[in-house]
Amino acid sequence: MDASAAKPSIKTIQQHILERQRAHPNATGEFSFLLSAITLATKIIADYVRRAGLVDILGTTGGINVHGEVVQKLDVIANETIAGCLGYRDNVGIIVSEEDDEPRILKELDSRAQYIVLFDPLDGSSNIDVNVSIGTIFSILQRREGVDAGRVMDHILQPGFRQVAAGYVIYSSSTVMTYTTGDGVHMFVLDPSIGAFRLTRENIKIPKAGKTYSINEAYRNQFPKGIQDYLDWVKLDEAGGYALRYIGSLVADFHRTMIQGGVFLYPPTKKAPEGKLRLLYEANPLAFLVEQAGGAATDGRERILDKVPTALHERTPLIIGSRDEVDRVLSYWSR
């Protein structure tokens, strides 16, 4: 019997991480241990999302978060689930969440507790009650060498190119996790029959071009003129037949763009000239993923991963997707 034929066809995310780890002789397994906390948390969240209509976890808490947004019950559950799973990992020193005003200091940063995890626990949570796809976005940084552990914000406010890993999970007809550690982008689907994420696509590449654009055109009159000009152009016959696809959940819109190509736009508006998406735990991780897949991400002036953050919940415009289409948007915006 051919030995290769006897190998199992199933590869879980844990097996994939360990396999990738073997390519790094100095790896200690600490990072793999950290990623397993995130997969555990998202499996728990997926279960809550699936049962949301059957138990009392739909609706709002009545509270308002640091961004002035209404807090959903599932926001709180997702936030505490991720924080709880990471809290058991002694290599995590700091966690930063969209739902928290300030960072949570779990341990003083040192050679052991060297990781900082930033996350949006439940992106698109305003869509929970209407059963639209929602998700989790995460980014992982390492402590800065030579910087005092007490200077917490100096360790957190690092440009996106210093991320050591990033990813997202989308909770929909299936639960999908996509992540990168700077060595390609890999996608997994949660298999309920074995309770594990199974590898479905390895080394994903976003199409170089695509005729799908994703934007909330209700704000068209508030967009910069260059964005308005681009939106006028895509509707012309000479553009070759563009399609508008907009879900209103960042993770869902980005996931479609990664698979099918095109561009997602969240430009500045007159009311929000600095944009609305959060740089550290929304734009940065998605920019890391899209660049690893061959795409591009910009705020209209500079590459997202080059931006030096100055505040924990800093906002940014975002143009992200297929490289050719991002360049086309910029060609109109810069006129």
C-alpha atoms as a PDB file:
ATOM      1  CA  MET A   1       0.000   0.000   0.000  1.00  0.00           C
ATOM      2  CA  ASP A   2       1.246   3.468  -0.878  1.00  0.00           C
ATOM      3  CA  ALA A   3       2.194   5.172   2.397  1.00  0.00           C
ATOM      4  CA  SER A   4       1.044   8.540   1.090  1.00  0.00           C
ATOM      5  CA  ALA A   5      -2.439   7.136   0.476  1.00  0.00           C
ATOM      6  CA  ALA A   6      -2.731   6.261   4.166  1.00  0.00           C
ATOM      7  CA  LYS A   7      -2.261   9.859   5.300  1.00  0.00           C
ATOM      8  CA  PRO A   8      -5.429  11.523   6.587  1.00  0.00           C
ATOM      9  CA  SER A   9      -6.924  14.149   4.289  1.00  0.00           C
ATOM     10  CA  ILE A  10      -8.042  16.289   7.230  1.00  0.00           C
ATOM     11  CA  LYS A  11      -5.664  19.003   8.427  1.00  0.00           C
ATOM     12  CA  THR A  12      -6.771  21.067  11.408  1.00  0.00           C
ATOM     13  CA  ILE A  13      -5.583  24.565  12.178  1.00  0.00           C
ATOM     14  CA  GLN A  14      -3.511  23.214  15.077  1.00  0.00           C
ATOM     15  CA  GLN A  15      -1.777  20.757  12.750  1.00  0.00           C
ATOM     16  CA  HIS A  16      -1.220  23.530  10.232  1.00  0.00           C
ATOM     17  CA  ILE A  17       0.306  25.846  12.837  1.00  0.00           C
ATOM     18  CA  LEU A  18       2.622  23.104  14.113  1.00  0.00           C
ATOM     19  CA  GLU A  19       3.620  22.205  10.567  1.00  0.00           C
ATOM     20  CA  ARG A  20       4.519  25.828   9.844  1.00  0.00           C
ATOM     21  CA  GLN A  21       6.337  26.042  13.155  1.00  0.00           C
ATOM     22  CA  ARG A  22       8.723  23.253  12.103  1.00  0.00           C
ATOM     23  CA  ALA A  23      10.036  25.570   9.385  1.00  0.00           C
ATOM     24  CA  HIS A  24      11.417  27.798  12.157  1.00  0.00           C
ATOM     25  CA  PRO A  25      14.080  25.881  14.114  1.00  0.00           C
ATOM     26  CA  ASN A  26      14.117  28.399  16.963  1.00  0.00           C
ATOM     27  CA  ALA A  27      10.360  28.269  17.518  1.00  0.00           C
ATOM     28  CA  THR A  28       9.366  27.382  21.092  1.00  0.00           C
ATOM     29  CA  GLY A  29       5.664  26.695  20.534  1.00  0.00           C
ATOM     30  CA  GLU A  30       4.653  29.761  22.552  1.00  0.00           C
ATOM     31  CA  PHE A  31       3.107  31.496  19.580  1.00  0.00           C
ATOM     32  CA  SER A  32       1.173  28.381  18.567  1.00  0.00           C
ATOM     33  CA  PHE A  33      -0.137  28.208  22.144  1.00  0.00           C
ATOM     34  CA  LEU A  34      -1.389  31.779  21.803  1.00  0.00           C
ATOM     35  CA  LEU A  35      -3.172  31.166  18.495  1.00  0.00           C
ATOM     36  CA  SER A  36      -4.912  28.162  20.010  1.00  0.00           C
ATOM     37  CA  ALA A  37      -6.502  30.492  22.590  1.00  0.00           C
ATOM     38  CA  ILE A  38      -8.004  32.556  19.792  1.00  0.00           C
ATOM     39  CA  THR A  39      -9.365  29.502  17.977  1.00  0.00           C
ATOM     40  CA  LEU A  40     -10.916  28.265  21.221  1.00  0.00           C
ATOM     41  CA  ALA A  41     -12.554  31.634  21.898  1.00  0.00           C
ATOM     42  CA  THR A  42     -13.991  31.917  18.407  1.00  0.00           C
ATOM     43  CA  LYS A  43     -15.436  28.411  18.558  1.00  0.00           C
ATOM     44  CA  ILE A  44     -17.256  29.399  21.754  1.00  0.00           C
ATOM     45  CA  ILE A  45     -18.492  32.635  20.136  1.00  0.00           C
ATOM     46  CA  ALA A  46     -19.648  30.702  17.059  1.00  0.00           C
ATOM     47  CA  ASP A  47     -21.781  28.527  19.318  1.00  0.00           C
ATOM     48  CA  TYR A  48     -23.361  31.584  20.966  1.00  0.00           C
ATOM     49  CA  VAL A  49     -24.066  33.151  17.569  1.00  0.00           C
ATOM     50  CA  ARG A  50     -25.664  29.959  16.301  1.00  0.00           C
ATOM     51  CA  ARG A  51     -27.991  29.788  19.323  1.00  0.00           C
ATOM     52  CA  ALA A  52     -28.633  33.533  19.583  1.00  0.00           C
ATOM     53  CA  GLY A  53     -32.314  33.284  18.680  1.00  0.00           C
ATOM     54  CA  LEU A  54     -32.935  30.479  21.186  1.00  0.00           C
ATOM     55  CA  VAL A  55     -31.535  32.050  24.340  1.00  0.00           C
ATOM     56  CA  ASP A  56     -31.708  35.546  25.778  1.00  0.00           C
ATOM     57  CA  ILE A  57     -28.597  37.016  24.177  1.00  0.00           C
ATOM     58  CA  LEU A  58     -30.118  39.128  21.408  1.00  0.00           C
ATOM     59  CA  GLY A  59     -30.664  42.860  21.758  1.00  0.00           C
ATOM     60  CA  THR A  60     -28.755  45.588  23.557  1.00  0.00           C
ATOM     61  CA  THR A  61     -27.425  45.920  27.075  1.00  0.00           C
ATOM     62  CA  GLY A  62     -28.566  49.519  27.247  1.00  0.00           C
ATOM     63  CA  GLY A  63     -24.946  50.654  27.493  1.00  0.00           C
ATOM     64  CA  ILE A  64     -22.791  52.782  25.186  1.00  0.00           C
ATOM     65  CA  ASN A  65     -19.150  51.925  24.445  1.00  0.00           C
ATOM     66  CA  VAL A  66     -16.147  54.238  24.107  1.00  0.00           C
ATOM     67  CA  HIS A  67     -17.051  54.929  20.466  1.00  0.00           C
ATOM     68  CA  GLY A  68     -20.565  56.104  21.286  1.00  0.00           C
ATOM     69  CA  GLU A  69     -22.087  52.906  19.891  1.00  0.00           C
ATOM     70  CA  VAL A  70     -24.897  50.891  21.452  1.00  0.00           C
ATOM     71  CA  VAL A  71     -23.500  47.752  23.105  1.00  0.00           C
ATOM     72  CA  GLN A  72     -25.152  44.474  22.120  1.00  0.00           C
ATOM     73  CA  LYS A  73     -25.407  41.576  24.568  1.00  0.00           C
ATOM     74  CA  LEU A  74     -23.321  39.422  22.234  1.00  0.00           C
ATOM     75  CA  ASP A  75     -20.652  42.164  22.134  1.00  0.00           C
ATOM     76  CA  VAL A  76     -20.123  41.663  25.853  1.00  0.00           C
ATOM     77  CA  ILE A  77     -20.159  37.870  25.623  1.00  0.00           C
ATOM     78  CA  ALA A  78     -17.651  37.849  22.752  1.00  0.00           C
ATOM     79  CA  ASN A  79     -15.392  40.368  24.480  1.00  0.00           C
ATOM     80  CA  GLU A  80     -15.253  38.465  27.758  1.00  0.00           C
ATOM     81  CA  THR A  81     -14.862  35.110  25.991  1.00  0.00           C
ATOM     82  CA  ILE A  82     -11.759  36.259  24.116  1.00  0.00           C
ATOM     83  CA  ALA A  83     -10.351  38.044  27.167  1.00  0.00           C
ATOM     84  CA  GLY A  84     -10.935  34.941  29.287  1.00  0.00           C
ATOM     85  CA  CYS A  85      -9.256  32.541  26.857  1.00  0.00           C
ATOM     86  CA  LEU A  86      -6.247  34.846  26.430  1.00  0.00           C
ATOM     87  CA  GLY A  87      -6.007  35.327  30.187  1.00  0.00           C
ATOM     88  CA  TYR A  88      -4.996  31.695  30.585  1.00  0.00           C
ATOM     89  CA  ARG A  89      -2.004  32.166  28.275  1.00  0.00           C
ATOM     90  CA  ASP A  90       0.967  33.344  30.307  1.00  0.00           C
ATOM     91  CA  ASN A  91       2.707  34.614  27.173  1.00  0.00           C
ATOM     92  CA  VAL A  92       0.087  37.375  26.713  1.00  0.00           C
ATOM     93  CA  GLY A  93       0.868  40.577  28.578  1.00  0.00           C
ATOM     94  CA  ILE A  94      -1.691  43.058  27.243  1.00  0.00           C
ATOM     95  CA  ILE A  95      -5.036  42.841  25.476  1.00  0.00           C
ATOM     96  CA  VAL A  96      -6.809  45.688  23.693  1.00  0.00           C
ATOM     97  CA  SER A  97     -10.470  45.477  22.700  1.00  0.00           C
ATOM     98  CA  GLU A  98     -12.846  47.731  20.834  1.00  0.00           C
ATOM     99  CA  GLU A  99     -15.230  47.330  23.766  1.00  0.00           C
ATOM    100  CA  ASP A 100     -12.777  48.480  26.445  1.00  0.00           C
ATOM    101  CA  ASP A 101     -11.858  52.102  27.121  1.00  0.00           C
ATOM    102  CA  GLU A 102      -8.336  51.180  28.184  1.00  0.00           C
ATOM    103  CA  PRO A 103      -5.962  48.257  27.591  1.00  0.00           C
ATOM    104  CA  ARG A 104      -6.112  45.353  30.031  1.00  0.00           C
ATOM    105  CA  ILE A 105      -2.752  44.629  31.612  1.00  0.00           C
ATOM    106  CA  LEU A 106      -2.662  40.897  32.287  1.00  0.00           C
ATOM    107  CA  LYS A 107       1.023  40.660  33.139  1.00  0.00           C
ATOM    108  CA  GLU A 108       4.049  42.908  32.960  1.00  0.00           C
ATOM    109  CA  LEU A 109       5.654  42.576  29.549  1.00  0.00           C
ATOM    110  CA  ASP A 110       8.872  40.562  29.639  1.00  0.00           C
ATOM    111  CA  SER A 111      10.638  37.821  27.697  1.00  0.00           C
ATOM    112  CA  ARG A 112       7.852  35.402  28.652  1.00  0.00           C
ATOM    113  CA  ALA A 113       4.717  37.611  28.492  1.00  0.00           C
ATOM    114  CA  GLN A 114       5.810  39.201  25.249  1.00  0.00           C
ATOM    115  CA  TYR A 115       2.585  39.364  23.192  1.00  0.00           C
ATOM    116  CA  ILE A 116      -0.038  42.076  22.825  1.00  0.00           C
ATOM    117  CA  VAL A 117      -3.381  40.979  21.353  1.00  0.00           C
ATOM    118  CA  LEU A 118      -5.753  43.558  19.880  1.00  0.00           C
ATOM    119  CA  PHE A 119      -9.229  42.646  18.681  1.00  0.00           C
ATOM    120  CA  ASP A 120     -12.681  43.676  17.596  1.00  0.00           C
ATOM    121  CA  PRO A 121     -14.621  40.917  19.373  1.00  0.00           C
ATOM    122  CA  LEU A 122     -17.764  41.115  17.249  1.00  0.00           C
ATOM    123  CA  ASP A 123     -17.575  43.259  14.141  1.00  0.00           C
ATOM    124  CA  GLY A 124     -20.938  44.094  12.610  1.00  0.00           C
ATOM    125  CA  SER A 125     -22.771  43.514  15.873  1.00  0.00           C
ATOM    126  CA  SER A 126     -25.556  45.919  14.860  1.00  0.00           C
ATOM    127  CA  ASN A 127     -26.536  43.190  12.359  1.00  0.00           C
ATOM    128  CA  ILE A 128     -26.913  40.475  15.009  1.00  0.00           C
ATOM    129  CA  ASP A 129     -30.685  40.752  15.380  1.00  0.00           C
ATOM    130  CA  VAL A 130     -31.280  40.413  11.616  1.00  0.00           C
ATOM    131  CA  ASN A 131     -29.032  37.365  11.162  1.00  0.00           C
ATOM    132  CA  VAL A 132     -26.445  39.022   8.899  1.00  0.00           C
ATOM    133  CA  SER A 133     -22.863  37.706   8.871  1.00  0.00           C
ATOM    134  CA  ILE A 134     -20.683  39.093  11.665  1.00  0.00           C
ATOM    135  CA  GLY A 135     -17.128  38.360  12.741  1.00  0.00           C
ATOM    136  CA  THR A 136     -14.074  38.717  14.946  1.00  0.00           C
ATOM    137  CA  ILE A 137     -10.884  40.536  13.864  1.00  0.00           C
ATOM    138  CA  PHE A 138      -7.566  40.169  15.675  1.00  0.00           C
ATOM    139  CA  SER A 139      -4.007  41.501  15.533  1.00  0.00           C
ATOM    140  CA  ILE A 140      -0.929  40.330  17.444  1.00  0.00           C
ATOM    141  CA  LEU A 141       2.123  42.425  18.289  1.00  0.00           C
ATOM    142  CA  GLN A 142       5.267  41.680  20.264  1.00  0.00           C
ATOM    143  CA  ARG A 143       6.672  43.896  22.982  1.00  0.00           C
ATOM    144  CA  ARG A 144       9.245  46.396  21.751  1.00  0.00           C
ATOM    145  CA  GLU A 145      12.783  45.471  22.675  1.00  0.00           C
ATOM    146  CA  GLY A 146      14.573  48.081  24.759  1.00  0.00           C
ATOM    147  CA  VAL A 147      11.344  49.821  25.823  1.00  0.00           C
ATOM    148  CA  ASP A 148      10.478  49.851  29.521  1.00  0.00           C
ATOM    149  CA  ALA A 149       7.571  47.519  30.348  1.00  0.00           C
ATOM    150  CA  GLY A 150       5.795  50.338  32.156  1.00  0.00           C
ATOM    151  CA  ARG A 151       5.483  52.394  28.979  1.00  0.00           C
ATOM    152  CA  VAL A 152       2.417  50.445  27.947  1.00  0.00           C
ATOM    153  CA  MET A 153       1.205  52.696  25.135  1.00  0.00           C
ATOM    154  CA  ASP A 154       4.647  52.663  23.482  1.00  0.00           C
ATOM    155  CA  HIS A 155       4.305  48.893  23.157  1.00  0.00           C
ATOM    156  CA  ILE A 156       0.737  49.102  21.824  1.00  0.00           C
ATOM    157  CA  LEU A 157       1.022  52.021  19.405  1.00  0.00           C
ATOM    158  CA  GLN A 158       3.154  50.282  16.790  1.00  0.00           C
ATOM    159  CA  PRO A 159       2.706  50.584  13.014  1.00  0.00           C
ATOM    160  CA  GLY A 160       0.945  47.696  11.331  1.00  0.00           C
ATOM    161  CA  PHE A 161       4.009  46.351   9.552  1.00  0.00           C
ATOM    162  CA  ARG A 162       5.228  45.152  12.960  1.00  0.00           C
ATOM    163  CA  GLN A 163       2.316  42.753  13.415  1.00  0.00           C
ATOM    164  CA  VAL A 164       3.434  39.164  13.917  1.00  0.00           C
ATOM    165  CA  ALA A 165       0.005  37.738  13.092  1.00  0.00           C
ATOM    166  CA  ALA A 166      -3.488  38.822  12.155  1.00  0.00           C
ATOM    167  CA  GLY A 167      -6.746  37.257  11.143  1.00  0.00           C
ATOM    168  CA  TYR A 168     -10.497  37.216  11.233  1.00  0.00           C
ATOM    169  CA  VAL A 169     -13.344  34.804  11.821  1.00  0.00           C
ATOM    170  CA  ILE A 170     -16.673  35.145  10.028  1.00  0.00           C
ATOM    171  CA  TYR A 171     -19.794  33.625  11.573  1.00  0.00           C
ATOM    172  CA  SER A 172     -22.199  32.777   8.765  1.00  0.00           C
ATOM    173  CA  SER A 173     -23.603  29.661   7.054  1.00  0.00           C
ATOM    174  CA  SER A 174     -20.225  28.250   8.056  1.00  0.00           C
ATOM    175  CA  THR A 175     -17.662  29.593  10.506  1.00  0.00           C
ATOM    176  CA  VAL A 176     -14.487  30.536   8.647  1.00  0.00           C
ATOM    177  CA  MET A 177     -11.119  31.564  10.101  1.00  0.00           C
ATOM    178  CA  THR A 178      -8.462  33.228   7.977  1.00  0.00           C
ATOM    179  CA  TYR A 179      -5.035  34.122   9.369  1.00  0.00           C
ATOM    180  CA  THR A 180      -1.483  35.063   8.478  1.00  0.00           C
ATOM    181  CA  THR A 181       1.812  35.144  10.324  1.00  0.00           C
ATOM    182  CA  GLY A 182       3.578  36.845   7.427  1.00  0.00           C
ATOM    183  CA  ASP A 183       3.965  33.548   5.594  1.00  0.00           C
ATOM    184  CA  GLY A 184       0.918  33.557   3.335  1.00  0.00           C
ATOM    185  CA  VAL A 185      -2.797  33.630   4.072  1.00  0.00           C
ATOM    186  CA  HIS A 186      -4.614  30.449   5.053  1.00  0.00           C
ATOM    187  CA  MET A 187      -8.314  29.692   5.458  1.00  0.00           C
ATOM    188  CA  PHE A 188     -10.107  27.174   7.661  1.00  0.00           C
ATOM    189  CA  VAL A 189     -13.728  26.136   8.157  1.00  0.00           C
ATOM    190  CA  LEU A 190     -15.082  24.975  11.515  1.00  0.00           C
ATOM    191  CA  ASP A 191     -16.209  21.359  11.245  1.00  0.00           C
ATOM    192  CA  PRO A 192     -18.877  20.820  13.950  1.00  0.00           C
ATOM    193  CA  SER A 193     -18.531  17.046  13.653  1.00  0.00           C
ATOM    194  CA  ILE A 194     -15.001  17.137  15.104  1.00  0.00           C
ATOM    195  CA  GLY A 195     -15.058  20.542  16.799  1.00  0.00           C
ATOM    196  CA  ALA A 196     -12.024  21.817  14.908  1.00  0.00           C
ATOM    197  CA  PHE A 197     -11.120  24.270  12.162  1.00  0.00           C
ATOM    198  CA  ARG A 198     -10.130  22.346   9.017  1.00  0.00           C
ATOM    199  CA  LEU A 199      -7.816  23.721   6.344  1.00  0.00           C
ATOM    200  CA  THR A 200      -9.728  24.513   3.155  1.00  0.00           C
ATOM    201  CA  ARG A 201      -7.479  26.984   1.307  1.00  0.00           C
ATOM    202  CA  GLU A 202      -3.741  27.553   1.682  1.00  0.00           C
ATOM    203  CA  ASN A 203      -1.676  30.487   0.419  1.00  0.00           C
ATOM    204  CA  ILE A 204      -4.703  32.451  -0.774  1.00  0.00           C
ATOM    205  CA  LYS A 205      -4.126  35.075  -3.452  1.00  0.00           C
ATOM    206  CA  ILE A 206      -6.619  37.865  -4.014  1.00  0.00           C
ATOM    207  CA  PRO A 207      -7.415  38.422  -7.718  1.00  0.00           C
ATOM    208  CA  LYS A 208      -5.219  41.215  -9.099  1.00  0.00           C
ATOM    209  CA  ALA A 209      -8.328  42.995 -10.398  1.00  0.00           C
ATOM    210  CA  GLY A 210     -12.064  42.709  -9.897  1.00  0.00           C
ATOM    211  CA  LYS A 211     -15.228  44.451 -11.001  1.00  0.00           C
ATOM    212  CA  THR A 212     -16.969  44.521  -7.631  1.00  0.00           C
ATOM    213  CA  TYR A 213     -16.933  47.576  -5.407  1.00  0.00           C
ATOM    214  CA  SER A 214     -18.246  47.742  -1.860  1.00  0.00           C
ATOM    215  CA  ILE A 215     -19.239  51.046  -0.246  1.00  0.00           C
ATOM    216  CA  ASN A 216     -22.149  52.656   1.575  1.00  0.00           C
ATOM    217  CA  GLU A 217     -23.306  54.980  -1.191  1.00  0.00           C
ATOM    218  CA  ALA A 218     -25.859  56.585   1.132  1.00  0.00           C
ATOM    219  CA  TYR A 219     -22.971  58.863   2.192  1.00  0.00           C
ATOM    220  CA  ARG A 220     -21.930  59.693  -1.375  1.00  0.00           C
ATOM    221  CA  ASN A 221     -22.471  63.447  -1.023  1.00  0.00           C
ATOM    222  CA  GLN A 222     -20.150  63.482   2.008  1.00  0.00           C
ATOM    223  CA  PHE A 223     -17.275  61.677   0.269  1.00  0.00           C
ATOM    224  CA  PRO A 224     -14.248  63.485  -1.223  1.00  0.00           C
ATOM    225  CA  LYS A 225     -14.763  64.534  -4.846  1.00  0.00           C
ATOM    226  CA  GLY A 226     -12.263  61.923  -6.092  1.00  0.00           C
ATOM    227  CA  ILE A 227     -14.304  59.111  -4.535  1.00  0.00           C
ATOM    228  CA  GLN A 228     -17.471  60.561  -6.056  1.00  0.00           C
ATOM    229  CA  ASP A 229     -15.738  60.666  -9.440  1.00  0.00           C
ATOM    230  CA  TYR A 230     -14.732  56.995  -9.087  1.00  0.00           C
ATOM    231  CA  LEU A 231     -18.322  56.064  -8.195  1.00  0.00           C
ATOM    232  CA  ASP A 232     -19.538  57.919 -11.290  1.00  0.00           C
ATOM    233  CA  TRP A 233     -17.015  56.095 -13.486  1.00  0.00           C
ATOM    234  CA  VAL A 234     -17.898  52.553 -12.337  1.00  0.00           C
ATOM    235  CA  LYS A 235     -21.474  53.135 -13.507  1.00  0.00           C
ATOM    236  CA  LEU A 236     -20.439  54.009 -17.058  1.00  0.00           C
ATOM    237  CA  ASP A 237     -20.634  51.468 -19.890  1.00  0.00           C
ATOM    238  CA  GLU A 238     -16.962  52.066 -20.603  1.00  0.00           C
ATOM    239  CA  ALA A 239     -16.089  50.728 -17.134  1.00  0.00           C
ATOM    240  CA  GLY A 240     -17.083  47.276 -18.317  1.00  0.00           C
ATOM    241  CA  GLY A 241     -19.878  46.307 -15.958  1.00  0.00           C
ATOM    242  CA  TYR A 242     -19.082  46.840 -12.286  1.00  0.00           C
ATOM    243  CA  ALA A 243     -21.327  45.433  -9.543  1.00  0.00           C
ATOM    244  CA  LEU A 244     -22.033  47.012  -6.158  1.00  0.00           C
ATOM    245  CA  ARG A 245     -21.995  44.564  -3.249  1.00  0.00           C
ATOM    246  CA  TYR A 246     -22.345  45.971   0.265  1.00  0.00           C
ATOM    247  CA  ILE A 247     -23.300  43.957   3.353  1.00  0.00           C
ATOM    248  CA  GLY A 248     -22.509  46.534   6.022  1.00  0.00           C
ATOM    249  CA  SER A 249     -20.380  44.133   8.073  1.00  0.00           C
ATOM    250  CA  LEU A 250     -16.670  44.827   7.572  1.00  0.00           C
ATOM    251  CA  VAL A 251     -15.570  41.212   7.992  1.00  0.00           C
ATOM    252  CA  ALA A 252     -18.200  39.946   5.541  1.00  0.00           C
ATOM    253  CA  ASP A 253     -17.455  42.588   2.906  1.00  0.00           C
ATOM    254  CA  PHE A 254     -13.711  42.034   3.256  1.00  0.00           C
ATOM    255  CA  HIS A 255     -14.074  38.244   3.091  1.00  0.00           C
ATOM    256  CA  ARG A 256     -15.954  38.471  -0.198  1.00  0.00           C
ATOM    257  CA  THR A 257     -13.375  40.891  -1.582  1.00  0.00           C
ATOM    258  CA  MET A 258     -10.517  38.543  -0.649  1.00  0.00           C
ATOM    259  CA  ILE A 259     -12.167  35.634  -2.440  1.00  0.00           C
ATOM    260  CA  GLN A 260     -13.636  37.349  -5.490  1.00  0.00           C
ATOM    261  CA  GLY A 261     -11.492  40.460  -5.890  1.00  0.00           C
ATOM    262  CA  GLY A 262     -12.565  44.070  -6.205  1.00  0.00           C
ATOM    263  CA  VAL A 263     -12.348  46.852  -3.657  1.00  0.00           C
ATOM    264  CA  PHE A 264     -13.864  47.825  -0.324  1.00  0.00           C
ATOM    265  CA  LEU A 265     -14.085  51.551   0.382  1.00  0.00           C
ATOM    266  CA  TYR A 266     -14.686  53.314   3.683  1.00  0.00           C
ATOM    267  CA  PRO A 267     -13.493  56.833   2.821  1.00  0.00           C
ATOM    268  CA  PRO A 268     -13.564  59.930   5.006  1.00  0.00           C
ATOM    269  CA  THR A 269     -16.752  61.995   5.110  1.00  0.00           C
ATOM    270  CA  LYS A 270     -17.521  65.594   5.973  1.00  0.00           C
ATOM    271  CA  LYS A 271     -18.784  64.424   9.375  1.00  0.00           C
ATOM    272  CA  ALA A 272     -15.873  62.001   9.933  1.00  0.00           C
ATOM    273  CA  PRO A 273     -12.856  63.497   8.105  1.00  0.00           C
ATOM    274  CA  GLU A 274     -10.483  61.034   9.794  1.00  0.00           C
ATOM    275  CA  GLY A 275     -12.577  58.023   8.816  1.00  0.00           C
ATOM    276  CA  LYS A 276     -14.526  55.667  11.064  1.00  0.00           C
ATOM    277  CA  LEU A 277     -12.740  52.304  11.093  1.00  0.00           C
ATOM    278  CA  ARG A 278     -10.288  51.628  13.920  1.00  0.00           C
ATOM    279  CA  LEU A 279      -6.673  51.492  12.822  1.00  0.00           C
ATOM    280  CA  LEU A 280      -5.175  49.110  15.387  1.00  0.00           C
ATOM    281  CA  TYR A 281      -7.673  46.255  15.437  1.00  0.00           C
ATOM    282  CA  GLU A 282      -9.643  46.629  12.179  1.00  0.00           C
ATOM    283  CA  ALA A 283      -7.633  48.293   9.404  1.00  0.00           C
ATOM    284  CA  ASN A 284      -4.174  47.008  10.393  1.00  0.00           C
ATOM    285  CA  PRO A 285      -4.991  43.278  10.599  1.00  0.00           C
ATOM    286  CA  LEU A 286      -7.018  43.344   7.374  1.00  0.00           C
ATOM    287  CA  ALA A 287      -4.245  45.284   5.622  1.00  0.00           C
ATOM    288  CA  PHE A 288      -1.684  42.694   6.770  1.00  0.00           C
ATOM    289  CA  LEU A 289      -3.872  39.909   5.380  1.00  0.00           C
ATOM    290  CA  VAL A 290      -4.586  41.574   2.047  1.00  0.00           C
ATOM    291  CA  GLU A 291      -0.925  42.447   1.416  1.00  0.00           C
ATOM    292  CA  GLN A 292       0.101  38.875   2.200  1.00  0.00           C
ATOM    293  CA  ALA A 293      -2.460  37.803  -0.400  1.00  0.00           C
ATOM    294  CA  GLY A 294      -1.063  40.206  -3.025  1.00  0.00           C
ATOM    295  CA  GLY A 295      -3.530  43.071  -2.554  1.00  0.00           C
ATOM    296  CA  ALA A 296      -3.218  46.607  -1.217  1.00  0.00           C
ATOM    297  CA  ALA A 297      -4.582  48.801   1.572  1.00  0.00           C
ATOM    298  CA  THR A 298      -4.353  52.576   1.928  1.00  0.00           C
ATOM    299  CA  ASP A 299      -6.022  55.475   3.704  1.00  0.00           C
ATOM    300  CA  GLY A 300      -5.872  57.518   0.493  1.00  0.00           C
ATOM    301  CA  ARG A 301      -2.576  59.149   1.443  1.00  0.00           C
ATOM    302  CA  GLU A 302      -0.337  56.357   2.671  1.00  0.00           C
ATOM    303  CA  ARG A 303      -0.104  52.610   3.068  1.00  0.00           C
ATOM    304  CA  ILE A 304      -2.157  51.485   6.077  1.00  0.00           C
ATOM    305  CA  LEU A 305       0.696  49.374   7.489  1.00  0.00           C
ATOM    306  CA  ASP A 306       3.013  52.404   7.543  1.00  0.00           C
ATOM    307  CA  LYS A 307       0.716  54.548   9.664  1.00  0.00           C
ATOM    308  CA  VAL A 308       2.075  55.293  13.146  1.00  0.00           C
ATOM    309  CA  PRO A 309      -0.871  55.245  15.569  1.00  0.00           C
ATOM    310  CA  THR A 310      -1.150  57.980  18.182  1.00  0.00           C
ATOM    311  CA  ALA A 311      -4.203  56.786  20.125  1.00  0.00           C
ATOM    312  CA  LEU A 312      -5.667  53.473  21.255  1.00  0.00           C
ATOM    313  CA  HIS A 313      -8.932  53.795  19.336  1.00  0.00           C
ATOM    314  CA  GLU A 314      -7.608  55.910  16.456  1.00  0.00           C
ATOM    315  CA  ARG A 315      -9.765  55.909  13.336  1.00  0.00           C
ATOM    316  CA  THR A 316      -8.762  55.797   9.701  1.00  0.00           C
ATOM    317  CA  PRO A 317     -10.226  55.791   6.185  1.00  0.00           C
ATOM    318  CA  LEU A 318      -9.696  52.495   4.370  1.00  0.00           C
ATOM    319  CA  ILE A 319      -9.442  51.526   0.706  1.00  0.00           C
ATOM    320  CA  ILE A 320      -8.588  47.829   0.486  1.00  0.00           C
ATOM    321  CA  GLY A 321      -8.696  44.984  -2.007  1.00  0.00           C
ATOM    322  CA  SER A 322      -7.280  43.994  -5.395  1.00  0.00           C
ATOM    323  CA  ARG A 323      -4.129  45.968  -6.156  1.00  0.00           C
ATOM    324  CA  ASP A 324      -5.287  47.193  -9.588  1.00  0.00           C
ATOM    325  CA  GLU A 325      -8.602  48.394  -8.230  1.00  0.00           C
ATOM    326  CA  VAL A 326      -7.068  50.168  -5.225  1.00  0.00           C
ATOM    327  CA  ASP A 327      -4.705  51.924  -7.642  1.00  0.00           C
ATOM    328  CA  ARG A 328      -7.669  52.928  -9.814  1.00  0.00           C
ATOM    329  CA  VAL A 329      -9.486  54.459  -6.838  1.00  0.00           C
ATOM    330  CA  LEU A 330      -6.334  56.406  -5.906  1.00  0.00           C
ATOM    331  CA  SER A 331      -5.968  57.645  -9.473  1.00  0.00           C
ATOM    332  CA  TYR A 332      -9.341  59.388  -9.126  1.00  0.00           C
ATOM    333  CA  TRP A 333      -8.813  60.485  -5.516  1.00  0.00           C
ATOM    334  CA  SER A 334      -5.486  62.163  -6.305  1.00  0.00           C
ATOM    335  CA  ARG A 335      -6.817  64.281  -9.194  1.00  0.00           C
END
